[in-house]
Amino acid sequence: RRGAFEADRSRYITAVRKQAEQFGIPWAAWEYSNAQ
């Protein structure tokens, strides 16, 4: 009913995380434990 397929999620997270790290930008992923 909701959400992205695993492969698509992983590609997006990887792309955004690498873009931040390219400029030395620290990051915090959302989130540790929830049911959403």
All heavy atoms as atom14 arrays in JSON, in Angstrom:
{
  "sequence": "RRGAFEADRSRYITAVRKQAEQFGIPWAAWEYSNAQ",
  "atom14_mask": [
    [1, 1, 1, 1, 1, 1, 1, 1, 1, 1, 1, 0, 0, 0],
    [1, 1, 1, 1, 1, 1, 1, 1, 1, 1, 1, 0, 0, 0],
    [1, 1, 1, 1, 0, 0, 0, 0, 0, 0, 0, 0, 0, 0],
    [1, 1, 1, 1, 1, 0, 0, 0, 0, 0, 0, 0, 0, 0],
    [1, 1, 1, 1, 1, 1, 1, 1, 1, 1, 1, 0, 0, 0],
    [1, 1, 1, 1, 1, 1, 1, 1, 1, 0, 0, 0, 0, 0],
    [1, 1, 1, 1, 1, 0, 0, 0, 0, 0, 0, 0, 0, 0],
    [1, 1, 1, 1, 1, 1, 1, 1, 0, 0, 0, 0, 0, 0],
    [1, 1, 1, 1, 1, 1, 1, 1, 1, 1, 1, 0, 0, 0],
    [1, 1, 1, 1, 1, 1, 0, 0, 0, 0, 0, 0, 0, 0],
    [1, 1, 1, 1, 1, 1, 1, 1, 1, 1, 1, 0, 0, 0],
    [1, 1, 1, 1, 1, 1, 1, 1, 1, 1, 1, 1, 0, 0],
    [1, 1, 1, 1, 1, 1, 1, 1, 0, 0, 0, 0, 0, 0],
    [1, 1, 1, 1, 1, 1, 1, 0, 0, 0, 0, 0, 0, 0],
    [1, 1, 1, 1, 1, 0, 0, 0, 0, 0, 0, 0, 0, 0],
    [1, 1, 1, 1, 1, 1, 1, 0, 0, 0, 0, 0, 0, 0],
    [1, 1, 1, 1, 1, 1, 1, 1, 1, 1, 1, 0, 0, 0],
    [1, 1, 1, 1, 1, 1, 1, 1, 1, 0, 0, 0, 0, 0],
    [1, 1, 1, 1, 1, 1, 1, 1, 1, 0, 0, 0, 0, 0],
    [1, 1, 1, 1, 1, 0, 0, 0, 0, 0, 0, 0, 0, 0],
    [1, 1, 1, 1, 1, 1, 1, 1, 1, 0, 0, 0, 0, 0],
    [1, 1, 1, 1, 1, 1, 1, 1, 1, 0, 0, 0, 0, 0],
    [1, 1, 1, 1, 1, 1, 1, 1, 1, 1, 1, 0, 0, 0],
    [1, 1, 1, 1, 0, 0, 0, 0, 0, 0, 0, 0, 0, 0],
    [1, 1, 1, 1, 1, 1, 1, 1, 0, 0, 0, 0, 0, 0],
    [1, 1, 1, 1, 1, 1, 1, 0, 0, 0, 0, 0, 0, 0],
    [1, 1, 1, 1, 1, 1, 1, 1, 1, 1, 1, 1, 1, 1],
    [1, 1, 1, 1, 1, 0, 0, 0, 0, 0, 0, 0, 0, 0],
    [1, 1, 1, 1, 1, 0, 0, 0, 0, 0, 0, 0, 0, 0],
    [1, 1, 1, 1, 1, 1, 1, 1, 1, 1, 1, 1, 1, 1],
    [1, 1, 1, 1, 1, 1, 1, 1, 1, 0, 0, 0, 0, 0],
    [1, 1, 1, 1, 1, 1, 1, 1, 1, 1, 1, 1, 0, 0],
    [1, 1, 1, 1, 1, 1, 0, 0, 0, 0, 0, 0, 0, 0],
    [1, 1, 1, 1, 1, 1, 1, 1, 0, 0, 0, 0, 0, 0],
    [1, 1, 1, 1, 1, 0, 0, 0, 0, 0, 0, 0, 0, 0],
    [1, 1, 1, 1, 1, 1, 1, 1, 1, 0, 0, 0, 0, 0]
  ],
  "atom14_positions": [
    [[0.81, -1.23, 0.0], [0.0, 0.0, 0.0], [0.84, 1.27, 0.0], [0.37, 2.32, -0.43], [-0.93, 0.02, 1.21], [-2.06, -0.98, 1.15], [-2.96, -0.91, 2.37], [-3.96, -1.97, 2.33], [-5.15, -1.86, 1.74], [-5.47, -0.71, 1.15], [-6.0, -2.86, 1.75], [0.0, 0.0, 0.0], [0.0, 0.0, 0.0], [0.0, 0.0, 0.0]],
    [[2.02, 1.22, 0.51], [2.81, 2.43, 0.64], [4.28, 2.12, 0.39], [4.73, 0.99, 0.51], [2.67, 3.02, 2.04], [3.34, 2.18, 3.1], [3.19, 2.77, 4.49], [3.96, 1.97, 5.46], [3.81, 2.05, 6.77], [2.92, 2.87, 7.28], [4.55, 1.3, 7.58], [0.0, 0.0, 0.0], [0.0, 0.0, 0.0], [0.0, 0.0, 0.0]],
    [[5.04, 3.15, 0.04], [6.48, 3.05, 0.03], [7.11, 2.71, -1.3], [6.45, 2.47, -2.31], [0.0, 0.0, 0.0], [0.0, 0.0, 0.0], [0.0, 0.0, 0.0], [0.0, 0.0, 0.0], [0.0, 0.0, 0.0], [0.0, 0.0, 0.0], [0.0, 0.0, 0.0], [0.0, 0.0, 0.0], [0.0, 0.0, 0.0], [0.0, 0.0, 0.0]],
    [[8.44, 2.69, -1.26], [9.26, 2.39, -2.44], [9.83, 0.99, -2.32], [10.04, 0.47, -1.22], [10.4, 3.41, -2.53], [0.0, 0.0, 0.0], [0.0, 0.0, 0.0], [0.0, 0.0, 0.0], [0.0, 0.0, 0.0], [0.0, 0.0, 0.0], [0.0, 0.0, 0.0], [0.0, 0.0, 0.0], [0.0, 0.0, 0.0], [0.0, 0.0, 0.0]],
    [[10.1, 0.39, -3.47], [10.78, -0.9, -3.46], [12.18, -0.72, -2.88], [12.79, 0.36, -2.96], [10.86, -1.47, -4.87], [9.57, -2.01, -5.4], [8.84, -1.32, -6.36], [9.05, -3.21, -4.91], [7.64, -1.82, -6.85], [7.85, -3.72, -5.38], [7.14, -3.01, -6.35], [0.0, 0.0, 0.0], [0.0, 0.0, 0.0], [0.0, 0.0, 0.0]],
    [[12.69, -1.82, -2.31], [13.99, -1.78, -1.64], [15.09, -1.24, -2.55], [15.89, -0.38, -2.14], [14.36, -3.17, -1.14], [15.8, -3.32, -0.67], [16.2, -2.29, 0.35], [15.43, -2.03, 1.28], [17.3, -1.71, 0.19], [0.0, 0.0, 0.0], [0.0, 0.0, 0.0], [0.0, 0.0, 0.0], [0.0, 0.0, 0.0], [0.0, 0.0, 0.0]],
    [[15.16, -1.7, -3.77], [16.25, -1.28, -4.67], [16.19, 0.22, -4.92], [17.24, 0.9, -4.95], [16.17, -2.05, -5.98], [0.0, 0.0, 0.0], [0.0, 0.0, 0.0], [0.0, 0.0, 0.0], [0.0, 0.0, 0.0], [0.0, 0.0, 0.0], [0.0, 0.0, 0.0], [0.0, 0.0, 0.0], [0.0, 0.0, 0.0], [0.0, 0.0, 0.0]],
    [[14.98, 0.75, -5.09], [14.85, 2.18, -5.34], [15.19, 2.99, -4.09], [15.86, 4.02, -4.18], [13.42, 2.49, -5.78], [13.07, 1.84, -7.11], [13.81, 2.06, -8.08], [12.08, 1.09, -7.16], [0.0, 0.0, 0.0], [0.0, 0.0, 0.0], [0.0, 0.0, 0.0], [0.0, 0.0, 0.0], [0.0, 0.0, 0.0], [0.0, 0.0, 0.0]],
    [[14.72, 2.53, -2.93], [15.08, 3.2, -1.69], [16.59, 3.25, -1.51], [17.17, 4.3, -1.19], [14.45, 2.51, -0.48], [14.83, 3.16, 0.85], [14.41, 2.37, 2.07], [15.15, 1.14, 2.24], [15.29, 0.48, 3.39], [14.72, 0.96, 4.48], [15.97, -0.64, 3.46], [0.0, 0.0, 0.0], [0.0, 0.0, 0.0], [0.0, 0.0, 0.0]],
    [[17.25, 2.14, -1.72], [18.7, 2.08, -1.52], [19.44, 3.0, -2.48], [20.42, 3.66, -2.1], [19.2, 0.64, -1.68], [18.81, -0.15, -0.58], [0.0, 0.0, 0.0], [0.0, 0.0, 0.0], [0.0, 0.0, 0.0], [0.0, 0.0, 0.0], [0.0, 0.0, 0.0], [0.0, 0.0, 0.0], [0.0, 0.0, 0.0], [0.0, 0.0, 0.0]],
    [[18.98, 3.07, -3.72], [19.64, 3.96, -4.68], [19.5, 5.42, -4.26], [20.46, 6.2, -4.36], [19.07, 3.75, -6.08], [19.6, 2.52, -6.79], [19.26, 2.53, -8.27], [17.83, 2.3, -8.49], [17.28, 1.11, -8.73], [18.05, 0.03, -8.77], [15.98, 0.99, -8.94], [0.0, 0.0, 0.0], [0.0, 0.0, 0.0], [0.0, 0.0, 0.0]],
    [[18.31, 5.79, -3.78], [18.1, 7.17, -3.36], [18.96, 7.5, -2.13], [19.65, 8.52, -2.1], [16.63, 7.41, -3.05], [16.34, 8.81, -2.54], [16.02, 9.83, -3.41], [16.41, 9.1, -1.16], [15.76, 11.12, -2.94], [16.15, 10.38, -0.69], [15.84, 11.38, -1.58], [15.6, 12.65, -1.11], [0.0, 0.0, 0.0], [0.0, 0.0, 0.0]],
    [[18.9, 6.65, -1.1], [19.66, 6.89, 0.13], [21.15, 7.0, -0.18], [21.85, 7.89, 0.33], [19.4, 5.77, 1.16], [17.95, 5.79, 1.64], [20.36, 5.9, 2.34], [17.56, 6.96, 2.48], [0.0, 0.0, 0.0], [0.0, 0.0, 0.0], [0.0, 0.0, 0.0], [0.0, 0.0, 0.0], [0.0, 0.0, 0.0], [0.0, 0.0, 0.0]],
    [[21.63, 6.11, -1.01], [23.06, 6.13, -1.39], [23.41, 7.43, -2.09], [24.43, 8.06, -1.79], [23.4, 4.93, -2.29], [23.13, 3.72, -1.58], [24.86, 4.96, -2.7], [0.0, 0.0, 0.0], [0.0, 0.0, 0.0], [0.0, 0.0, 0.0], [0.0, 0.0, 0.0], [0.0, 0.0, 0.0], [0.0, 0.0, 0.0], [0.0, 0.0, 0.0]],
    [[22.57, 7.85, -3.02], [22.85, 9.07, -3.79], [22.89, 10.3, -2.89], [23.81, 11.13, -2.98], [21.8, 9.25, -4.89], [0.0, 0.0, 0.0], [0.0, 0.0, 0.0], [0.0, 0.0, 0.0], [0.0, 0.0, 0.0], [0.0, 0.0, 0.0], [0.0, 0.0, 0.0], [0.0, 0.0, 0.0], [0.0, 0.0, 0.0], [0.0, 0.0, 0.0]],
    [[21.92, 10.43, -2.0], [21.86, 11.6, -1.13], [23.0, 11.57, -0.12], [23.66, 12.6, 0.13], [20.49, 11.66, -0.43], [20.48, 12.73, 0.66], [19.38, 11.94, -1.44], [0.0, 0.0, 0.0], [0.0, 0.0, 0.0], [0.0, 0.0, 0.0], [0.0, 0.0, 0.0], [0.0, 0.0, 0.0], [0.0, 0.0, 0.0], [0.0, 0.0, 0.0]],
    [[23.25, 10.41, 0.45], [24.33, 10.31, 1.44], [25.68, 10.64, 0.8], [26.48, 11.41, 1.36], [24.33, 8.9, 2.02], [25.29, 8.68, 3.18], [26.58, 7.97, 2.77], [26.33, 6.72, 2.09], [27.28, 6.0, 1.49], [28.54, 6.44, 1.47], [27.0, 4.87, 0.87], [0.0, 0.0, 0.0], [0.0, 0.0, 0.0], [0.0, 0.0, 0.0]],
    [[25.95, 10.12, -0.38], [27.23, 10.41, -1.04], [27.35, 11.87, -1.43], [28.44, 12.45, -1.37], [27.39, 9.52, -2.27], [27.72, 8.06, -1.95], [28.02, 7.27, -3.21], [28.49, 5.86, -2.87], [28.8, 5.07, -4.1], [0.0, 0.0, 0.0], [0.0, 0.0, 0.0], [0.0, 0.0, 0.0], [0.0, 0.0, 0.0], [0.0, 0.0, 0.0]],
    [[26.24, 12.47, -1.82], [26.29, 13.88, -2.18], [26.65, 14.73, -0.97], [27.45, 15.67, -1.07], [24.92, 14.31, -2.74], [24.94, 15.62, -3.48], [25.76, 15.58, -4.76], [25.94, 14.52, -5.36], [26.29, 16.71, -5.16], [0.0, 0.0, 0.0], [0.0, 0.0, 0.0], [0.0, 0.0, 0.0], [0.0, 0.0, 0.0], [0.0, 0.0, 0.0]],
    [[26.09, 14.4, 0.19], [26.45, 15.12, 1.41], [27.92, 14.9, 1.75], [28.66, 15.86, 2.05], [25.56, 14.66, 2.56], [0.0, 0.0, 0.0], [0.0, 0.0, 0.0], [0.0, 0.0, 0.0], [0.0, 0.0, 0.0], [0.0, 0.0, 0.0], [0.0, 0.0, 0.0], [0.0, 0.0, 0.0], [0.0, 0.0, 0.0], [0.0, 0.0, 0.0]],
    [[28.36, 13.67, 1.69], [29.74, 13.36, 2.07], [30.76, 13.98, 1.12], [31.89, 14.28, 1.51], [29.92, 11.85, 2.15], [29.15, 11.22, 3.31], [29.24, 9.71, 3.36], [29.71, 9.09, 2.37], [28.84, 9.14, 4.38], [0.0, 0.0, 0.0], [0.0, 0.0, 0.0], [0.0, 0.0, 0.0], [0.0, 0.0, 0.0], [0.0, 0.0, 0.0]],
    [[30.35, 14.21, -0.12], [31.25, 14.85, -1.08], [31.68, 16.24, -0.59], [32.79, 16.69, -0.87], [30.55, 14.97, -2.43], [31.36, 15.7, -3.5], [30.6, 15.83, -4.81], [29.74, 15.02, -5.13], [30.93, 16.85, -5.59], [0.0, 0.0, 0.0], [0.0, 0.0, 0.0], [0.0, 0.0, 0.0], [0.0, 0.0, 0.0], [0.0, 0.0, 0.0]],
    [[30.79, 16.9, 0.14], [31.09, 18.23, 0.65], [31.42, 18.23, 2.14], [31.48, 19.29, 2.77], [29.89, 19.15, 0.4], [29.59, 19.38, -1.05], [28.57, 18.68, -1.68], [30.36, 20.25, -1.8], [28.3, 18.88, -3.02], [30.1, 20.45, -3.15], [29.07, 19.76, -3.76], [0.0, 0.0, 0.0], [0.0, 0.0, 0.0], [0.0, 0.0, 0.0]],
    [[31.62, 17.04, 2.71], [31.95, 16.94, 4.13], [30.8, 17.3, 5.04], [31.01, 17.7, 6.2], [0.0, 0.0, 0.0], [0.0, 0.0, 0.0], [0.0, 0.0, 0.0], [0.0, 0.0, 0.0], [0.0, 0.0, 0.0], [0.0, 0.0, 0.0], [0.0, 0.0, 0.0], [0.0, 0.0, 0.0], [0.0, 0.0, 0.0], [0.0, 0.0, 0.0]],
    [[29.56, 17.16, 4.56], [28.39, 17.53, 5.34], [27.97, 16.37, 6.23], [27.66, 15.28, 5.73], [27.21, 17.9, 4.41], [27.6, 19.08, 3.51], [25.96, 18.22, 5.22], [26.57, 19.39, 2.43], [0.0, 0.0, 0.0], [0.0, 0.0, 0.0], [0.0, 0.0, 0.0], [0.0, 0.0, 0.0], [0.0, 0.0, 0.0], [0.0, 0.0, 0.0]],
    [[27.95, 16.54, 7.55], [27.46, 15.47, 8.42], [25.96, 15.26, 8.21], [25.24, 16.17, 7.81], [27.76, 15.99, 9.83], [27.87, 17.46, 9.69], [28.37, 17.73, 8.3], [0.0, 0.0, 0.0], [0.0, 0.0, 0.0], [0.0, 0.0, 0.0], [0.0, 0.0, 0.0], [0.0, 0.0, 0.0], [0.0, 0.0, 0.0], [0.0, 0.0, 0.0]],
    [[25.51, 14.04, 8.5], [24.1, 13.71, 8.25], [23.52, 12.87, 9.37], [24.25, 12.18, 10.09], [23.94, 12.99, 6.91], [24.85, 11.8, 6.67], [25.99, 11.78, 5.91], [24.71, 10.46, 7.2], [26.56, 10.52, 5.92], [25.79, 9.69, 6.7], [23.77, 9.85, 8.03], [25.95, 8.33, 7.01], [23.93, 8.5, 8.35], [25.01, 7.76, 7.83]],
    [[22.2, 12.94, 9.47], [21.45, 12.08, 10.4], [20.29, 11.46, 9.63], [19.44, 12.17, 9.09], [20.93, 12.88, 11.58], [0.0, 0.0, 0.0], [0.0, 0.0, 0.0], [0.0, 0.0, 0.0], [0.0, 0.0, 0.0], [0.0, 0.0, 0.0], [0.0, 0.0, 0.0], [0.0, 0.0, 0.0], [0.0, 0.0, 0.0], [0.0, 0.0, 0.0]],
    [[20.29, 10.14, 9.54], [19.22, 9.43, 8.84], [17.98, 9.38, 9.72], [18.06, 9.33, 10.95], [19.67, 8.02, 8.48], [0.0, 0.0, 0.0], [0.0, 0.0, 0.0], [0.0, 0.0, 0.0], [0.0, 0.0, 0.0], [0.0, 0.0, 0.0], [0.0, 0.0, 0.0], [0.0, 0.0, 0.0], [0.0, 0.0, 0.0], [0.0, 0.0, 0.0]],
    [[16.83, 9.37, 9.09], [15.56, 9.25, 9.8], [15.04, 7.85, 9.59], [14.84, 7.44, 8.44], [14.56, 10.28, 9.26], [13.32, 10.36, 10.09], [12.15, 9.7, 9.88], [13.12, 11.13, 11.27], [11.23, 10.01, 10.84], [11.81, 10.89, 11.72], [13.94, 11.99, 12.01], [11.29, 11.49, 12.87], [13.42, 12.58, 13.13], [12.11, 12.34, 13.55]],
    [[14.88, 7.0, 10.55], [14.96, 7.18, 11.99], [15.25, 5.8, 12.55], [15.23, 4.83, 11.82], [13.62, 7.77, 12.48], [13.58, 8.19, 13.94], [12.68, 7.27, 14.75], [11.84, 6.55, 14.23], [12.86, 7.28, 15.98], [0.0, 0.0, 0.0], [0.0, 0.0, 0.0], [0.0, 0.0, 0.0], [0.0, 0.0, 0.0], [0.0, 0.0, 0.0]],
    [[15.51, 5.65, 13.83], [16.0, 4.38, 14.35], [14.95, 3.29, 14.41], [15.13, 2.2, 13.84], [16.61, 4.57, 15.74], [17.25, 3.3, 16.27], [18.34, 2.73, 15.61], [16.75, 2.66, 17.41], [18.92, 1.55, 16.07], [17.33, 1.49, 17.87], [18.41, 0.94, 17.2], [18.97, -0.22, 17.65], [0.0, 0.0, 0.0], [0.0, 0.0, 0.0]],
    [[13.84, 3.53, 15.11], [12.85, 2.46, 15.27], [11.45, 3.06, 15.34], [11.13, 3.82, 16.26], [13.13, 1.66, 16.55], [12.17, 0.62, 16.71], [0.0, 0.0, 0.0], [0.0, 0.0, 0.0], [0.0, 0.0, 0.0], [0.0, 0.0, 0.0], [0.0, 0.0, 0.0], [0.0, 0.0, 0.0], [0.0, 0.0, 0.0], [0.0, 0.0, 0.0]],
    [[10.62, 2.73, 14.35], [9.22, 3.14, 14.35], [8.44, 2.18, 13.48], [9.01, 1.28, 12.84], [9.07, 4.59, 13.88], [9.51, 4.78, 12.44], [8.97, 4.17, 11.52], [10.5, 5.63, 12.22], [0.0, 0.0, 0.0], [0.0, 0.0, 0.0], [0.0, 0.0, 0.0], [0.0, 0.0, 0.0], [0.0, 0.0, 0.0], [0.0, 0.0, 0.0]],
    [[7.14, 2.36, 13.42], [6.28, 1.46, 12.64], [5.77, 2.11, 11.37], [4.86, 1.6, 10.73], [5.1, 1.03, 13.5], [0.0, 0.0, 0.0], [0.0, 0.0, 0.0], [0.0, 0.0, 0.0], [0.0, 0.0, 0.0], [0.0, 0.0, 0.0], [0.0, 0.0, 0.0], [0.0, 0.0, 0.0], [0.0, 0.0, 0.0], [0.0, 0.0, 0.0]],
    [[6.37, 3.24, 10.98], [5.87, 4.0, 9.83], [6.62, 3.75, 8.52], [6.33, 4.37, 7.52], [5.89, 5.49, 10.14], [4.78, 5.95, 11.09], [5.05, 5.56, 12.53], [6.1, 5.87, 13.07], [4.11, 4.88, 13.14], [0.0, 0.0, 0.0], [0.0, 0.0, 0.0], [0.0, 0.0, 0.0], [0.0, 0.0, 0.0], [0.0, 0.0, 0.0]]
  ]
}
